[in-house]
Amino acid sequence: MCDCNNSFGWFQSHSSCWADTILMTLLIPSLNKYYFTKMLKKINLDLDDFYPCKQNITNCEKEYLIRKIWGKEFTINKPSITHDRLLEVLKMINNKNEIINGFWSLETYTPKGNMFCIVTDRNKGLDEIKNYILLSVILAKKKHVVCNIKCDNNKWYYYDNERSKENKKLKLIKIKSTNNILEFKKEALLYYFFYTRKL
């Protein structure tokens, strides 16, 4: 379990904000980590070697994990589309996981995997959907990617790898919650509402 009050998260290395954000989303909430760990075992990676709560890994070790997940020929410095990289890792966790556009189809949508993501340009999302719970919101800005993470203490924190590099811990944030709808204040071009199936 990660103590979000005392964690920095992964520091930025090169152009790694998209990967750091995706991996923080998968490594911090225990439920996400449960599903993600199964995937890591399949590709012979040990979660403990790359755990981001304590910043004790080198950039080379972190980049090894990133390349191991997204491919040996993948270059961390290459400009990347967060949507595609996120979908790739979701499919590696469970090939039924998916990203859907907007909340408009939720009335008829039945998730088939253990995770799914809703991408939208609005900053409001549902706290829970059927048997799924919202555990992270990835914010894709013009040239940077950050996220809000729901930690095991049931509080929301803001993660930015540039803040981590400046030795700033995860930032506790206040969110507006009304009738199962959460509103996040941080502005972005796109918001990825990341839902995970309850055990």
Protein backbone atom coordinates (compact mmCIF):
# COMPACT_ATOMS: atom_id res chain seq x y z
CA MET A 1 0.00 0.00 0.00
CA CYS A 2 1.31 3.42 -0.96
CA ASP A 3 1.23 6.29 1.52
CA CYS A 4 0.08 9.05 -0.79
CA ASN A 5 0.71 11.69 1.87
CA ASN A 6 4.44 10.99 1.70
CA SER A 7 4.95 9.85 -1.89
CA PHE A 8 6.55 11.86 -4.68
CA GLY A 9 5.71 9.42 -7.45
CA TRP A 10 8.10 8.88 -10.33
CA PHE A 11 10.40 11.73 -11.30
CA GLN A 12 10.39 12.95 -14.87
CA SER A 13 13.04 11.45 -17.11
CA HIS A 14 13.34 12.69 -20.68
CA SER A 15 9.86 12.91 -22.26
CA SER A 16 8.25 10.39 -19.96
CA CYS A 17 5.16 12.25 -18.67
CA TRP A 18 2.71 10.07 -20.62
CA ALA A 19 4.28 6.82 -19.34
CA ASP A 20 4.78 8.06 -15.78
CA THR A 21 1.14 9.13 -15.62
CA ILE A 22 -0.22 5.86 -17.01
CA LEU A 23 1.97 3.79 -14.70
CA MET A 24 1.15 5.88 -11.61
CA THR A 25 -2.52 5.30 -12.45
CA LEU A 26 -1.89 1.55 -12.56
CA LEU A 27 0.49 1.26 -9.60
CA ILE A 28 -1.03 3.44 -6.87
CA PRO A 29 -4.69 2.42 -6.32
CA SER A 30 -4.64 -1.12 -4.91
CA LEU A 31 -7.42 -2.34 -7.19
CA ASN A 32 -5.60 -1.16 -10.33
CA LYS A 33 -2.35 -2.60 -9.01
CA TYR A 34 -4.07 -5.98 -8.48
CA TYR A 35 -4.94 -6.31 -12.18
CA PHE A 36 -1.73 -4.69 -13.41
CA THR A 37 0.47 -7.00 -11.33
CA LYS A 38 -0.97 -10.04 -13.11
CA MET A 39 0.10 -8.53 -16.42
CA LEU A 40 3.60 -7.76 -15.15
CA LYS A 41 4.06 -11.38 -14.10
CA LYS A 42 3.22 -12.50 -17.62
CA ILE A 43 6.09 -10.45 -19.01
CA ASN A 44 8.45 -11.50 -16.20
CA LEU A 45 8.58 -8.19 -14.35
CA ASP A 46 8.54 -7.83 -10.58
CA LEU A 47 6.33 -5.02 -9.33
CA ASP A 48 8.56 -4.38 -6.30
CA ASP A 49 11.50 -3.46 -8.53
CA PHE A 50 9.64 -0.50 -10.00
CA TYR A 51 7.32 0.63 -7.23
CA PRO A 52 6.95 4.41 -7.39
CA CYS A 53 6.07 5.17 -3.75
CA LYS A 54 9.72 5.42 -2.82
CA GLN A 55 11.91 7.09 -5.41
CA ASN A 56 14.75 4.59 -5.27
CA ILE A 57 14.95 3.49 -8.90
CA THR A 58 17.16 5.01 -11.55
CA ASN A 59 15.86 6.51 -14.77
CA CYS A 60 17.46 3.63 -16.64
CA GLU A 61 15.52 1.10 -14.57
CA LYS A 62 12.28 2.98 -15.13
CA GLU A 63 12.90 3.27 -18.85
CA TYR A 64 13.61 -0.47 -18.96
CA LEU A 65 10.13 -1.10 -17.56
CA ILE A 66 8.56 1.30 -20.07
CA ARG A 67 10.32 -0.40 -23.00
CA LYS A 68 9.49 -3.85 -21.63
CA ILE A 69 5.80 -2.98 -21.59
CA TRP A 70 5.51 -1.04 -24.85
CA GLY A 71 8.12 -2.91 -26.89
CA LYS A 72 11.89 -3.29 -27.15
CA GLU A 73 12.11 -0.92 -30.10
CA PHE A 74 10.00 1.74 -28.40
CA THR A 75 11.86 5.00 -27.87
CA ILE A 76 10.90 6.92 -24.74
CA ASN A 77 11.83 10.28 -26.31
CA LYS A 78 9.59 9.77 -29.32
CA PRO A 79 6.46 11.97 -29.26
CA SER A 80 3.60 9.74 -28.21
CA ILE A 81 -0.18 9.84 -28.19
CA THR A 82 -1.42 9.06 -24.69
CA HIS A 83 -4.65 7.55 -26.05
CA ASP A 84 -2.83 4.88 -28.07
CA ARG A 85 -0.31 4.01 -25.35
CA LEU A 86 -3.06 3.77 -22.72
CA LEU A 87 -5.20 1.55 -24.94
CA GLU A 88 -2.22 -0.73 -25.61
CA VAL A 89 -1.56 -1.35 -21.93
CA LEU A 90 -5.27 -1.76 -21.17
CA LYS A 91 -5.43 -4.48 -23.84
CA MET A 92 -2.36 -6.15 -22.34
CA ILE A 93 -4.11 -6.31 -18.97
CA ASN A 94 -7.30 -7.71 -20.51
CA ASN A 95 -8.03 -7.80 -24.24
CA LYS A 96 -11.65 -6.82 -23.51
CA ASN A 97 -10.63 -3.54 -21.88
CA GLU A 98 -11.37 -0.47 -23.98
CA ILE A 99 -11.55 3.30 -24.31
CA ILE A 100 -14.92 4.79 -25.24
CA ASN A 101 -15.72 8.30 -26.40
CA GLY A 102 -17.92 10.37 -24.10
CA PHE A 103 -20.55 9.51 -21.52
CA TRP A 104 -23.42 9.51 -23.99
CA SER A 105 -23.45 5.72 -24.45
CA LEU A 106 -23.28 4.68 -20.79
CA GLU A 107 -26.97 3.83 -20.56
CA THR A 108 -26.48 0.96 -23.00
CA TYR A 109 -22.79 0.25 -22.32
CA THR A 110 -21.86 -2.99 -20.55
CA PRO A 111 -18.13 -3.29 -19.75
CA LYS A 112 -16.64 -6.66 -20.70
CA GLY A 113 -13.15 -6.34 -19.25
CA ASN A 114 -11.84 -5.40 -15.83
CA MET A 115 -11.06 -1.78 -16.78
CA PHE A 116 -12.32 0.83 -19.18
CA CYS A 117 -11.68 4.48 -19.88
CA ILE A 118 -14.02 7.26 -20.94
CA VAL A 119 -12.34 10.04 -22.90
CA THR A 120 -14.10 13.40 -22.99
CA ASP A 121 -13.40 17.12 -23.10
CA ARG A 122 -15.41 17.79 -19.95
CA ASN A 123 -14.10 17.74 -16.38
CA LYS A 124 -17.02 15.89 -14.79
CA GLY A 125 -17.32 12.13 -14.40
CA LEU A 126 -19.42 9.58 -12.55
CA ASP A 127 -17.95 8.29 -9.29
CA GLU A 128 -19.23 4.74 -9.88
CA ILE A 129 -20.76 2.95 -12.86
CA LYS A 130 -22.47 -0.37 -12.12
CA ASN A 131 -19.75 -2.58 -10.61
CA TYR A 132 -16.92 -0.23 -11.56
CA ILE A 133 -15.29 2.54 -9.57
CA LEU A 134 -13.45 5.64 -10.77
CA LEU A 135 -9.84 5.49 -9.52
CA SER A 136 -7.98 7.90 -11.76
CA VAL A 137 -8.48 10.78 -14.16
CA ILE A 138 -5.70 11.34 -16.69
CA LEU A 139 -5.47 14.92 -17.93
CA ALA A 140 -4.00 15.32 -21.40
CA LYS A 141 -2.86 18.89 -21.86
CA LYS A 142 -1.30 20.42 -24.96
CA LYS A 143 2.27 19.25 -24.26
CA HIS A 144 2.03 17.50 -20.91
CA VAL A 145 0.13 14.66 -19.21
CA VAL A 146 -0.75 14.49 -15.51
CA CYS A 147 -3.37 12.71 -13.40
CA ASN A 148 -5.60 12.72 -10.36
CA ILE A 149 -5.43 9.47 -8.39
CA LYS A 150 -7.78 8.08 -5.76
CA CYS A 151 -5.52 6.56 -3.12
CA ASP A 152 -6.31 3.80 -0.66
CA ASN A 153 -7.17 6.35 2.02
CA ASN A 154 -10.15 7.28 -0.20
CA LYS A 155 -8.73 10.74 -0.94
CA TRP A 156 -7.77 12.23 -4.28
CA TYR A 157 -4.22 13.37 -5.11
CA TYR A 158 -2.71 15.25 -8.02
CA TYR A 159 0.40 13.78 -9.69
CA ASP A 160 2.74 15.58 -12.08
CA ASN A 161 6.18 14.12 -12.79
CA GLU A 162 7.62 17.64 -13.09
CA ARG A 163 6.49 18.35 -9.51
CA SER A 164 8.11 15.10 -8.39
CA LYS A 165 11.39 16.10 -9.97
CA GLU A 166 11.29 19.24 -7.79
CA ASN A 167 10.84 17.03 -4.68
CA LYS A 168 7.18 17.96 -4.32
CA LYS A 169 4.93 15.22 -2.95
CA LEU A 170 1.60 14.18 -4.39
CA LYS A 171 -0.81 17.05 -3.84
CA LEU A 172 -4.01 16.39 -1.89
CA ILE A 173 -6.88 17.90 -3.88
CA LYS A 174 -10.46 18.81 -3.13
CA ILE A 175 -13.07 17.76 -5.64
CA LYS A 176 -16.70 18.67 -5.92
CA SER A 177 -19.03 15.69 -5.53
CA THR A 178 -22.77 15.91 -6.22
CA ASN A 179 -25.14 12.98 -6.82
CA ASN A 180 -22.42 10.52 -7.89
CA ILE A 181 -20.78 13.15 -10.13
CA LEU A 182 -17.23 14.32 -9.47
CA GLU A 183 -15.94 17.60 -10.84
CA PHE A 184 -12.19 18.17 -11.23
CA LYS A 185 -10.87 21.74 -11.34
CA LYS A 186 -7.67 21.17 -13.33
CA GLU A 187 -8.02 22.19 -16.96
CA ALA A 188 -7.08 19.90 -19.84
CA LEU A 189 -7.85 19.31 -23.50
CA LEU A 190 -9.00 15.75 -22.77
CA TYR A 191 -9.92 13.87 -19.60
CA TYR A 192 -9.55 10.09 -19.38
CA PHE A 193 -11.87 8.78 -16.67
CA PHE A 194 -10.33 5.45 -15.65
CA TYR A 195 -12.78 2.90 -14.20
CA THR A 196 -11.88 -0.43 -12.62
CA ARG A 197 -14.07 -3.40 -11.77
CA LYS A 198 -14.55 -4.06 -8.08
CA LEU A 199 -13.43 -7.43 -6.73
